[in-house]
Amino acid sequence: MCYTVCIKEQIDSDCCLRNITVEEGQSLLVASERNGQPPIAVGCRGGGCGVCRIRIVSGSYRKKAMSKTHINEQDLAQGVVLACRVFPESDMEVVSEKPCTPYNPFA
């Protein structure tokens, strides 16, 4: 089974920057990369760097563990996740987010 993910520029936008097809069991980031010139930023691919932050606008998905440095409980409640750790279970709409700068007590 495959799902279509609409990647939008803004939450309230009606048009998609790009539609990508995601195979069942495939992460959203991998599918984005395979479509060429990914609209989602690529980092470590393992949930630790926070570069591939996205906001889920609609659709269902399962997720794997993500670094709490980059995705906290408030983020999750607002639908902000890391694309490398998200596996669509329906058609979805998402918006790319800018990575947040983690707190550095030594800076």
PDB file of N, CA and C in Angstrom:
ATOM      1  N   MET A   1       0.847  -1.178   0.000  1.00  0.00           N
ATOM      2  CA  MET A   1       0.000   0.000   0.000  1.00  0.00           C
ATOM      3  C   MET A   1       0.893   1.243   0.000  1.00  0.00           C
ATOM      4  N   CYS A   2       0.424   2.290  -0.646  1.00  0.00           N
ATOM      5  CA  CYS A   2       1.147   3.561  -0.714  1.00  0.00           C
ATOM      6  C   CYS A   2       0.242   4.692  -0.247  1.00  0.00           C
ATOM      7  N   TYR A   3       0.864   5.735   0.273  1.00  0.00           N
ATOM      8  CA  TYR A   3       0.140   6.920   0.731  1.00  0.00           C
ATOM      9  C   TYR A   3       0.703   8.146   0.022  1.00  0.00           C
ATOM     10  N   THR A   4      -0.143   9.138  -0.167  1.00  0.00           N
ATOM     11  CA  THR A   4       0.280  10.397  -0.769  1.00  0.00           C
ATOM     12  C   THR A   4       0.436  11.433   0.336  1.00  0.00           C
ATOM     13  N   VAL A   5       1.578  12.087   0.356  1.00  0.00           N
ATOM     14  CA  VAL A   5       1.839  13.131   1.343  1.00  0.00           C
ATOM     15  C   VAL A   5       2.022  14.448   0.597  1.00  0.00           C
ATOM     16  N   CYS A   6       1.192  15.411   0.952  1.00  0.00           N
ATOM     17  CA  CYS A   6       1.253  16.759   0.388  1.00  0.00           C
ATOM     18  C   CYS A   6       2.151  17.594   1.303  1.00  0.00           C
ATOM     19  N   ILE A   7       3.231  18.117   0.751  1.00  0.00           N
ATOM     20  CA  ILE A   7       4.128  18.976   1.522  1.00  0.00           C
ATOM     21  C   ILE A   7       3.794  20.414   1.160  1.00  0.00           C
ATOM     22  N   LYS A   8       3.311  21.151   2.150  1.00  0.00           N
ATOM     23  CA  LYS A   8       2.864  22.525   1.950  1.00  0.00           C
ATOM     24  C   LYS A   8       3.926  23.515   2.412  1.00  0.00           C
ATOM     25  N   GLU A   9       3.794  24.739   1.909  1.00  0.00           N
ATOM     26  CA  GLU A   9       4.699  25.812   2.344  1.00  0.00           C
ATOM     27  C   GLU A   9       4.244  26.397   3.676  1.00  0.00           C
ATOM     28  N   GLN A  10       2.908  26.504   3.866  1.00  0.00           N
ATOM     29  CA  GLN A  10       2.333  27.045   5.089  1.00  0.00           C
ATOM     30  C   GLN A  10       1.132  26.197   5.498  1.00  0.00           C
ATOM     31  N   ILE A  11       0.806  26.229   6.776  1.00  0.00           N
ATOM     32  CA  ILE A  11      -0.307  25.436   7.288  1.00  0.00           C
ATOM     33  C   ILE A  11      -1.616  25.787   6.599  1.00  0.00           C
ATOM     34  N   ASP A  12      -1.874  27.064   6.405  1.00  0.00           N
ATOM     35  CA  ASP A  12      -3.159  27.491   5.851  1.00  0.00           C
ATOM     36  C   ASP A  12      -3.195  27.524   4.326  1.00  0.00           C
ATOM     37  N   SER A  13      -2.159  27.055   3.674  1.00  0.00           N
ATOM     38  CA  SER A  13      -2.102  27.037   2.215  1.00  0.00           C
ATOM     39  C   SER A  13      -2.970  25.908   1.663  1.00  0.00           C
ATOM     40  N   ASP A  14      -3.602  26.168   0.524  1.00  0.00           N
ATOM     41  CA  ASP A  14      -4.414  25.146  -0.127  1.00  0.00           C
ATOM     42  C   ASP A  14      -3.618  24.336  -1.147  1.00  0.00           C
ATOM     43  N   CYS A  15      -2.448  24.822  -1.532  1.00  0.00           N
ATOM     44  CA  CYS A  15      -1.690  24.105  -2.560  1.00  0.00           C
ATOM     45  C   CYS A  15      -0.452  23.429  -1.968  1.00  0.00           C
ATOM     46  N   CYS A  16      -0.024  22.398  -2.663  1.00  0.00           N
ATOM     47  CA  CYS A  16       1.142  21.631  -2.243  1.00  0.00           C
ATOM     48  C   CYS A  16       2.378  22.097  -3.006  1.00  0.00           C
ATOM     49  N   LEU A  17       3.501  22.185  -2.299  1.00  0.00           N
ATOM     50  CA  LEU A  17       4.772  22.409  -2.977  1.00  0.00           C
ATOM     51  C   LEU A  17       5.125  21.163  -3.777  1.00  0.00           C
ATOM     52  N   ARG A  18       4.834  20.028  -3.170  1.00  0.00           N
ATOM     53  CA  ARG A  18       5.137  18.748  -3.800  1.00  0.00           C
ATOM     54  C   ARG A  18       4.296  17.661  -3.163  1.00  0.00           C
ATOM     55  N   ASN A  19       3.829  16.730  -3.983  1.00  0.00           N
ATOM     56  CA  ASN A  19       3.198  15.510  -3.495  1.00  0.00           C
ATOM     57  C   ASN A  19       4.218  14.399  -3.620  1.00  0.00           C
ATOM     58  N   ILE A  20       4.367  13.610  -2.583  1.00  0.00           N
ATOM     59  CA  ILE A  20       5.268  12.462  -2.654  1.00  0.00           C
ATOM     60  C   ILE A  20       4.491  11.204  -2.299  1.00  0.00           C
ATOM     61  N   THR A  21       4.942  10.103  -2.846  1.00  0.00           N
ATOM     62  CA  THR A  21       4.343   8.807  -2.548  1.00  0.00           C
ATOM     63  C   THR A  21       5.218   8.094  -1.536  1.00  0.00           C
ATOM     64  N   VAL A  22       4.585   7.606  -0.479  1.00  0.00           N
ATOM     65  CA  VAL A  22       5.307   6.911   0.585  1.00  0.00           C
ATOM     66  C   VAL A  22       4.790   5.485   0.657  1.00  0.00           C
ATOM     67  N   GLU A  23       5.682   4.531   0.519  1.00  0.00           N
ATOM     68  CA  GLU A  23       5.302   3.129   0.625  1.00  0.00           C
ATOM     69  C   GLU A  23       5.070   2.776   2.091  1.00  0.00           C
ATOM     70  N   GLU A  24       4.188   1.826   2.321  1.00  0.00           N
ATOM     71  CA  GLU A  24       3.903   1.386   3.682  1.00  0.00           C
ATOM     72  C   GLU A  24       5.206   0.918   4.343  1.00  0.00           C
ATOM     73  N   GLY A  25       5.450   1.378   5.565  1.00  0.00           N
ATOM     74  CA  GLY A  25       6.653   1.008   6.298  1.00  0.00           C
ATOM     75  C   GLY A  25       7.860   1.884   5.999  1.00  0.00           C
ATOM     76  N   GLN A  26       7.710   2.848   5.095  1.00  0.00           N
ATOM     77  CA  GLN A  26       8.809   3.737   4.719  1.00  0.00           C
ATOM     78  C   GLN A  26       8.684   5.053   5.491  1.00  0.00           C
ATOM     79  N   SER A  27       9.809   5.598   5.931  1.00  0.00           N
ATOM     80  CA  SER A  27       9.741   6.882   6.627  1.00  0.00           C
ATOM     81  C   SER A  27       9.446   7.991   5.625  1.00  0.00           C
ATOM     82  N   LEU A  28       8.851   9.037   6.125  1.00  0.00           N
ATOM     83  CA  LEU A  28       8.526  10.185   5.285  1.00  0.00           C
ATOM     84  C   LEU A  28       9.791  10.805   4.694  1.00  0.00           C
ATOM     85  N   LEU A  29      10.867  10.861   5.466  1.00  0.00           N
ATOM     86  CA  LEU A  29      12.107  11.453   4.978  1.00  0.00           C
ATOM     87  C   LEU A  29      12.713  10.635   3.838  1.00  0.00           C
ATOM     88  N   VAL A  30      12.733   9.316   3.978  1.00  0.00           N
ATOM     89  CA  VAL A  30      13.279   8.455   2.922  1.00  0.00           C
ATOM     90  C   VAL A  30      12.488   8.646   1.635  1.00  0.00           C
ATOM     91  N   ALA A  31      11.169   8.672   1.735  1.00  0.00           N
ATOM     92  CA  ALA A  31      10.331   8.875   0.551  1.00  0.00           C
ATOM     93  C   ALA A  31      10.605  10.239  -0.072  1.00  0.00           C
ATOM     94  N   SER A  32      10.773  11.254   0.756  1.00  0.00           N
ATOM     95  CA  SER A  32      11.062  12.599   0.267  1.00  0.00           C
ATOM     96  C   SER A  32      12.386  12.616  -0.492  1.00  0.00           C
ATOM     97  N   GLU A  33      13.402  11.968   0.053  1.00  0.00           N
ATOM     98  CA  GLU A  33      14.718  11.909  -0.599  1.00  0.00           C
ATOM     99  C   GLU A  33      14.650  11.168  -1.931  1.00  0.00           C
ATOM    100  N   ARG A  34      13.882  10.104  -1.986  1.00  0.00           N
ATOM    101  CA  ARG A  34      13.788   9.293  -3.207  1.00  0.00           C
ATOM    102  C   ARG A  34      13.053  10.020  -4.330  1.00  0.00           C
ATOM    103  N   ASN A  35      12.298  11.048  -3.983  1.00  0.00           N
ATOM    104  CA  ASN A  35      11.594  11.820  -4.993  1.00  0.00           C
ATOM    105  C   ASN A  35      12.488  12.893  -5.619  1.00  0.00           C
ATOM    106  N   GLY A  36      13.719  13.015  -5.166  1.00  0.00           N
ATOM    107  CA  GLY A  36      14.656  13.985  -5.716  1.00  0.00           C
ATOM    108  C   GLY A  36      14.396  15.389  -5.216  1.00  0.00           C
ATOM    109  N   GLN A  37      15.439  16.159  -4.997  1.00  0.00           N
ATOM    110  CA  GLN A  37      15.361  17.520  -4.468  1.00  0.00           C
ATOM    111  C   GLN A  37      14.340  17.608  -3.336  1.00  0.00           C
ATOM    112  N   PRO A  38      14.609  16.945  -2.228  1.00  0.00           N
ATOM    113  CA  PRO A  38      13.625  16.873  -1.153  1.00  0.00           C
ATOM    114  C   PRO A  38      13.270  18.237  -0.562  1.00  0.00           C
ATOM    115  N   PRO A  39      11.971  18.492  -0.388  1.00  0.00           N
ATOM    116  CA  PRO A  39      11.534  19.734   0.248  1.00  0.00           C
ATOM    117  C   PRO A  39      11.698  19.704   1.763  1.00  0.00           C
ATOM    118  N   ILE A  40      12.059  18.536   2.288  1.00  0.00           N
ATOM    119  CA  ILE A  40      12.302  18.389   3.727  1.00  0.00           C
ATOM    120  C   ILE A  40      13.808  18.310   3.926  1.00  0.00           C
ATOM    121  N   ALA A  41      14.335  19.149   4.822  1.00  0.00           N
ATOM    122  CA  ALA A  41      15.776  19.158   5.085  1.00  0.00           C
ATOM    123  C   ALA A  41      16.233  17.801   5.620  1.00  0.00           C
ATOM    124  N   VAL A  42      17.445  17.405   5.255  1.00  0.00           N
ATOM    125  CA  VAL A  42      17.994  16.102   5.640  1.00  0.00           C
ATOM    126  C   VAL A  42      19.175  16.305   6.573  1.00  0.00           C
ATOM    127  N   GLY A  43      19.171  15.557   7.685  1.00  0.00           N
ATOM    128  CA  GLY A  43      20.273  15.615   8.641  1.00  0.00           C
ATOM    129  C   GLY A  43      20.812  14.226   8.898  1.00  0.00           C
ATOM    130  N   CYS A  44      20.755  13.803  10.148  1.00  0.00           N
ATOM    131  CA  CYS A  44      21.367  12.539  10.563  1.00  0.00           C
ATOM    132  C   CYS A  44      20.559  11.302  10.184  1.00  0.00           C
ATOM    133  N   ARG A  45      19.283  11.466   9.877  1.00  0.00           N
ATOM    134  CA  ARG A  45      18.370  10.374   9.507  1.00  0.00           C
ATOM    135  C   ARG A  45      18.048   9.433  10.656  1.00  0.00           C
ATOM    136  N   GLY A  46      18.392   9.804  11.887  1.00  0.00           N
ATOM    137  CA  GLY A  46      18.165   8.909  13.020  1.00  0.00           C
ATOM    138  C   GLY A  46      17.414   9.529  14.181  1.00  0.00           C
ATOM    139  N   GLY A  47      16.865  10.713  14.021  1.00  0.00           N
ATOM    140  CA  GLY A  47      16.074  11.331  15.083  1.00  0.00           C
ATOM    141  C   GLY A  47      16.873  12.110  16.104  1.00  0.00           C
ATOM    142  N   GLY A  48      18.150  12.350  15.850  1.00  0.00           N
ATOM    143  CA  GLY A  48      18.983  13.003  16.846  1.00  0.00           C
ATOM    144  C   GLY A  48      19.373  14.443  16.566  1.00  0.00           C
ATOM    145  N   CYS A  49      19.214  14.907  15.315  1.00  0.00           N
ATOM    146  CA  CYS A  49      19.728  16.248  14.998  1.00  0.00           C
ATOM    147  C   CYS A  49      18.647  17.316  14.905  1.00  0.00           C
ATOM    148  N   GLY A  50      17.418  16.952  14.619  1.00  0.00           N
ATOM    149  CA  GLY A  50      16.322  17.921  14.557  1.00  0.00           C
ATOM    150  C   GLY A  50      16.207  18.684  13.256  1.00  0.00           C
ATOM    151  N   VAL A  51      17.007  18.366  12.260  1.00  0.00           N
ATOM    152  CA  VAL A  51      16.995  19.109  11.009  1.00  0.00           C
ATOM    153  C   VAL A  51      15.711  18.880  10.204  1.00  0.00           C
ATOM    154  N   CYS A  52      15.147  17.692  10.257  1.00  0.00           N
ATOM    155  CA  CYS A  52      13.994  17.346   9.414  1.00  0.00           C
ATOM    156  C   CYS A  52      12.651  17.582  10.117  1.00  0.00           C
ATOM    157  N   ARG A  53      12.572  18.636  10.923  1.00  0.00           N
ATOM    158  CA  ARG A  53      11.326  18.974  11.632  1.00  0.00           C
ATOM    159  C   ARG A  53      10.200  19.276  10.651  1.00  0.00           C
ATOM    160  N   ILE A  54       9.050  18.694  10.908  1.00  0.00           N
ATOM    161  CA  ILE A  54       7.854  18.983  10.121  1.00  0.00           C
ATOM    162  C   ILE A  54       6.681  19.134  11.077  1.00  0.00           C
ATOM    163  N   ARG A  55       5.615  19.756  10.584  1.00  0.00           N
ATOM    164  CA  ARG A  55       4.371  19.859  11.348  1.00  0.00           C
ATOM    165  C   ARG A  55       3.324  19.066  10.576  1.00  0.00           C
ATOM    166  N   ILE A  56       2.685  18.126  11.248  1.00  0.00           N
ATOM    167  CA  ILE A  56       1.617  17.341  10.646  1.00  0.00           C
ATOM    168  C   ILE A  56       0.352  18.186  10.644  1.00  0.00           C
ATOM    169  N   VAL A  57      -0.219  18.412   9.462  1.00  0.00           N
ATOM    170  CA  VAL A  57      -1.457  19.172   9.336  1.00  0.00           C
ATOM    171  C   VAL A  57      -2.643  18.216   9.405  1.00  0.00           C
ATOM    172  N   SER A  58      -2.534  17.087   8.713  1.00  0.00           N
ATOM    173  CA  SER A  58      -3.595  16.082   8.752  1.00  0.00           C
ATOM    174  C   SER A  58      -3.033  14.718   8.394  1.00  0.00           C
ATOM    175  N   GLY A  59      -3.750  13.679   8.786  1.00  0.00           N
ATOM    176  CA  GLY A  59      -3.358  12.312   8.473  1.00  0.00           C
ATOM    177  C   GLY A  59      -2.900  11.558   9.698  1.00  0.00           C
ATOM    178  N   SER A  60      -2.817  10.247   9.549  1.00  0.00           N
ATOM    179  CA  SER A  60      -2.377   9.418  10.671  1.00  0.00           C
ATOM    180  C   SER A  60      -1.012   8.806  10.360  1.00  0.00           C
ATOM    181  N   TYR A  61      -0.281   8.525  11.408  1.00  0.00           N
ATOM    182  CA  TYR A  61       1.088   8.034  11.273  1.00  0.00           C
ATOM    183  C   TYR A  61       1.500   7.350  12.567  1.00  0.00           C
ATOM    184  N   ARG A  62       2.578   6.594  12.478  1.00  0.00           N
ATOM    185  CA  ARG A  62       3.228   6.086  13.686  1.00  0.00           C
ATOM    186  C   ARG A  62       4.601   6.728  13.721  1.00  0.00           C
ATOM    187  N   LYS A  63       5.152   6.813  14.908  1.00  0.00           N
ATOM    188  CA  LYS A  63       6.453   7.462  15.031  1.00  0.00           C
ATOM    189  C   LYS A  63       7.373   6.637  15.916  1.00  0.00           C
ATOM    190  N   LYS A  64       8.646   6.799  15.686  1.00  0.00           N
ATOM    191  CA  LYS A  64       9.672   6.184  16.522  1.00  0.00           C
ATOM    192  C   LYS A  64      10.230   7.261  17.446  1.00  0.00           C
ATOM    193  N   ALA A  65      11.100   6.844  18.358  1.00  0.00           N
ATOM    194  CA  ALA A  65      11.689   7.762  19.337  1.00  0.00           C
ATOM    195  C   ALA A  65      12.463   8.882  18.647  1.00  0.00           C
ATOM    196  N   MET A  66      12.330  10.100  19.215  1.00  0.00           N
ATOM    197  CA  MET A  66      13.021  11.291  18.706  1.00  0.00           C
ATOM    198  C   MET A  66      13.741  11.959  19.874  1.00  0.00           C
ATOM    199  N   SER A  67      14.813  12.657  19.579  1.00  0.00           N
ATOM    200  CA  SER A  67      15.565  13.364  20.606  1.00  0.00           C
ATOM    201  C   SER A  67      14.683  14.408  21.290  1.00  0.00           C
ATOM    202  N   LYS A  68      14.594  14.346  22.597  1.00  0.00           N
ATOM    203  CA  LYS A  68      13.808  15.334  23.353  1.00  0.00           C
ATOM    204  C   LYS A  68      14.475  16.708  23.330  1.00  0.00           C
ATOM    205  N   THR A  69      15.712  16.758  22.899  1.00  0.00           N
ATOM    206  CA  THR A  69      16.394  18.034  22.720  1.00  0.00           C
ATOM    207  C   THR A  69      15.748  18.819  21.581  1.00  0.00           C
ATOM    208  N   HIS A  70      15.228  18.096  20.593  1.00  0.00           N
ATOM    209  CA  HIS A  70      14.675  18.722  19.396  1.00  0.00           C
ATOM    210  C   HIS A  70      13.156  18.650  19.306  1.00  0.00           C
ATOM    211  N   ILE A  71      12.555  17.639  19.920  1.00  0.00           N
ATOM    212  CA  ILE A  71      11.094  17.477  19.920  1.00  0.00           C
ATOM    213  C   ILE A  71      10.650  17.210  21.352  1.00  0.00           C
ATOM    214  N   ASN A  72       9.995  18.200  21.950  1.00  0.00           N
ATOM    215  CA  ASN A  72       9.517  18.022  23.321  1.00  0.00           C
ATOM    216  C   ASN A  72       8.023  17.700  23.316  1.00  0.00           C
ATOM    217  N   GLU A  73       7.433  17.558  24.493  1.00  0.00           N
ATOM    218  CA  GLU A  73       6.020  17.198  24.600  1.00  0.00           C
ATOM    219  C   GLU A  73       5.114  18.260  23.973  1.00  0.00           C
ATOM    220  N   GLN A  74       5.464  19.522  24.126  1.00  0.00           N
ATOM    221  CA  GLN A  74       4.671  20.603  23.532  1.00  0.00           C
ATOM    222  C   GLN A  74       4.703  20.508  22.004  1.00  0.00           C
ATOM    223  N   ASP A  75       5.878  20.228  21.446  1.00  0.00           N
ATOM    224  CA  ASP A  75       5.992  20.036  19.995  1.00  0.00           C
ATOM    225  C   ASP A  75       5.069  18.914  19.537  1.00  0.00           C
ATOM    226  N   LEU A  76       5.147  17.773  20.221  1.00  0.00           N
ATOM    227  CA  LEU A  76       4.325  16.624  19.847  1.00  0.00           C
ATOM    228  C   LEU A  76       2.840  16.968  19.899  1.00  0.00           C
ATOM    229  N   ALA A  77       2.434  17.706  20.919  1.00  0.00           N
ATOM    230  CA  ALA A  77       1.029  18.099  21.061  1.00  0.00           C
ATOM    231  C   ALA A  77       0.585  19.003  19.910  1.00  0.00           C
ATOM    232  N   GLN A  78       1.527  19.739  19.328  1.00  0.00           N
ATOM    233  CA  GLN A  78       1.223  20.639  18.216  1.00  0.00           C
ATOM    234  C   GLN A  78       1.450  19.977  16.856  1.00  0.00           C
ATOM    235  N   GLY A  79       1.773  18.683  16.865  1.00  0.00           N
ATOM    236  CA  GLY A  79       1.974  17.956  15.612  1.00  0.00           C
ATOM    237  C   GLY A  79       3.344  18.120  15.005  1.00  0.00           C
ATOM    238  N   VAL A  80       4.306  18.629  15.763  1.00  0.00           N
ATOM    239  CA  VAL A  80       5.670  18.803  15.260  1.00  0.00           C
ATOM    240  C   VAL A  80       6.467  17.548  15.585  1.00  0.00           C
ATOM    241  N   VAL A  81       7.051  16.963  14.524  1.00  0.00           N
ATOM    242  CA  VAL A  81       7.801  15.711  14.657  1.00  0.00           C
ATOM    243  C   VAL A  81       9.011  15.763  13.722  1.00  0.00           C
ATOM    244  N   LEU A  82       9.803  14.712  13.729  1.00  0.00           N
ATOM    245  CA  LEU A  82      10.938  14.595  12.807  1.00  0.00           C
ATOM    246  C   LEU A  82      10.556  13.638  11.685  1.00  0.00           C
ATOM    247  N   ALA A  83      10.712  14.079  10.447  1.00  0.00           N
ATOM    248  CA  ALA A  83      10.297  13.291   9.285  1.00  0.00           C
ATOM    249  C   ALA A  83      11.009  11.946   9.201  1.00  0.00           C
ATOM    250  N   CYS A  84      12.222  11.873   9.723  1.00  0.00           N
ATOM    251  CA  CYS A  84      12.974  10.612   9.668  1.00  0.00           C
ATOM    252  C   CYS A  84      12.391   9.549  10.591  1.00  0.00           C
ATOM    253  N   ARG A  85      11.543   9.960  11.528  1.00  0.00           N
ATOM    254  CA  ARG A  85      10.981   9.030  12.501  1.00  0.00           C
ATOM    255  C   ARG A  85       9.465   8.861  12.340  1.00  0.00           C
ATOM    256  N   VAL A  86       8.914   9.357  11.224  1.00  0.00           N
ATOM    257  CA  VAL A  86       7.473   9.306  10.968  1.00  0.00           C
ATOM    258  C   VAL A  86       7.180   8.350   9.814  1.00  0.00           C
ATOM    259  N   PHE A  87       6.187   7.473  10.031  1.00  0.00           N
ATOM    260  CA  PHE A  87       5.786   6.475   9.055  1.00  0.00           C
ATOM    261  C   PHE A  87       4.290   6.636   8.787  1.00  0.00           C
ATOM    262  N   PRO A  88       3.924   7.215   7.637  1.00  0.00           N
ATOM    263  CA  PRO A  88       2.513   7.462   7.338  1.00  0.00           C
ATOM    264  C   PRO A  88       1.672   6.185   7.368  1.00  0.00           C
ATOM    265  N   GLU A  89       0.442   6.324   7.859  1.00  0.00           N
ATOM    266  CA  GLU A  89      -0.533   5.236   7.848  1.00  0.00           C
ATOM    267  C   GLU A  89      -1.809   5.670   7.140  1.00  0.00           C
ATOM    268  N   SER A  90      -1.749   6.833   6.482  1.00  0.00           N
ATOM    269  CA  SER A  90      -2.836   7.351   5.650  1.00  0.00           C
ATOM    270  C   SER A  90      -2.239   8.446   4.780  1.00  0.00           C
ATOM    271  N   ASP A  91      -3.049   9.002   3.873  1.00  0.00           N
ATOM    272  CA  ASP A  91      -2.603  10.193   3.157  1.00  0.00           C
ATOM    273  C   ASP A  91      -2.424  11.295   4.190  1.00  0.00           C
ATOM    274  N   MET A  92      -1.483  12.199   3.955  1.00  0.00           N
ATOM    275  CA  MET A  92      -1.155  13.229   4.938  1.00  0.00           C
ATOM    276  C   MET A  92      -0.909  14.573   4.272  1.00  0.00           C
ATOM    277  N   GLU A  93      -0.964  15.626   5.091  1.00  0.00           N
ATOM    278  CA  GLU A  93      -0.508  16.958   4.719  1.00  0.00           C
ATOM    279  C   GLU A  93       0.470  17.398   5.789  1.00  0.00           C
ATOM    280  N   VAL A  94       1.638  17.911   5.369  1.00  0.00           N
ATOM    281  CA  VAL A  94       2.668  18.352   6.307  1.00  0.00           C
ATOM    282  C   VAL A  94       3.261  19.679   5.851  1.00  0.00           C
ATOM    283  N   VAL A  95       3.911  20.367   6.785  1.00  0.00           N
ATOM    284  CA  VAL A  95       4.620  21.616   6.506  1.00  0.00           C
ATOM    285  C   VAL A  95       6.023  21.473   7.082  1.00  0.00           C
ATOM    286  N   SER A  96       7.046  21.838   6.289  1.00  0.00           N
ATOM    287  CA  SER A  96       8.419  21.827   6.812  1.00  0.00           C
ATOM    288  C   SER A  96       8.566  22.928   7.853  1.00  0.00           C
ATOM    289  N   GLU A  97       9.298  22.642   8.909  1.00  0.00           N
ATOM    290  CA  GLU A  97       9.569  23.605   9.984  1.00  0.00           C
ATOM    291  C   GLU A  97      11.061  23.898   9.984  1.00  0.00           C
ATOM    292  N   LYS A  98      11.426  25.035  10.480  1.00  0.00           N
ATOM    293  CA  LYS A  98      12.846  25.348  10.662  1.00  0.00           C
ATOM    294  C   LYS A  98      13.328  24.617  11.914  1.00  0.00           C
ATOM    295  N   PRO A  99      14.521  24.031  11.860  1.00  0.00           N
ATOM    296  CA  PRO A  99      15.052  23.376  13.057  1.00  0.00           C
ATOM    297  C   PRO A  99      15.232  24.400  14.179  1.00  0.00           C
ATOM    298  N   CYS A 100      14.912  23.986  15.399  1.00  0.00           N
ATOM    299  CA  CYS A 100      15.133  24.876  16.528  1.00  0.00           C
ATOM    300  C   CYS A 100      16.571  24.720  17.003  1.00  0.00           C
ATOM    301  N   THR A 101      17.100  25.753  17.610  1.00  0.00           N
ATOM    302  CA  THR A 101      18.442  25.693  18.177  1.00  0.00           C
ATOM    303  C   THR A 101      18.334  25.139  19.585  1.00  0.00           C
ATOM    304  N   PRO A 102      18.953  23.989  19.842  1.00  0.00           N
ATOM    305  CA  PRO A 102      18.867  23.434  21.182  1.00  0.00           C
ATOM    306  C   PRO A 102      19.539  24.333  22.222  1.00  0.00           C
ATOM    307  N   TYR A 103      19.063  24.252  23.432  1.00  0.00           N
ATOM    308  CA  TYR A 103      19.620  25.015  24.535  1.00  0.00           C
ATOM    309  C   TYR A 103      21.057  24.571  24.785  1.00  0.00           C
ATOM    310  N   ASN A 104      21.952  25.537  24.868  1.00  0.00           N
ATOM    311  CA  ASN A 104      23.355  25.236  25.150  1.00  0.00           C
ATOM    312  C   ASN A 104      23.766  26.033  26.393  1.00  0.00           C
ATOM    313  N   PRO A 105      23.922  25.364  27.533  1.00  0.00           N
ATOM    314  CA  PRO A 105      24.254  26.084  28.755  1.00  0.00           C
ATOM    315  C   PRO A 105      25.663  26.681  28.739  1.00  0.00           C
ATOM    316  N   PHE A 106      26.504  26.292  27.775  1.00  0.00           N
ATOM    317  CA  PHE A 106      27.883  26.773  27.717  1.00  0.00           C
ATOM    318  C   PHE A 106      28.066  27.955  26.757  1.00  0.00           C
ATOM    319  N   ALA A 107      26.996  28.311  26.062  1.00  0.00           N
ATOM    320  CA  ALA A 107      27.109  29.397  25.073  1.00  0.00           C
ATOM    321  C   ALA A 107      27.043  30.752  25.742  1.00  0.00           C
TER     322      ALA A 107
END
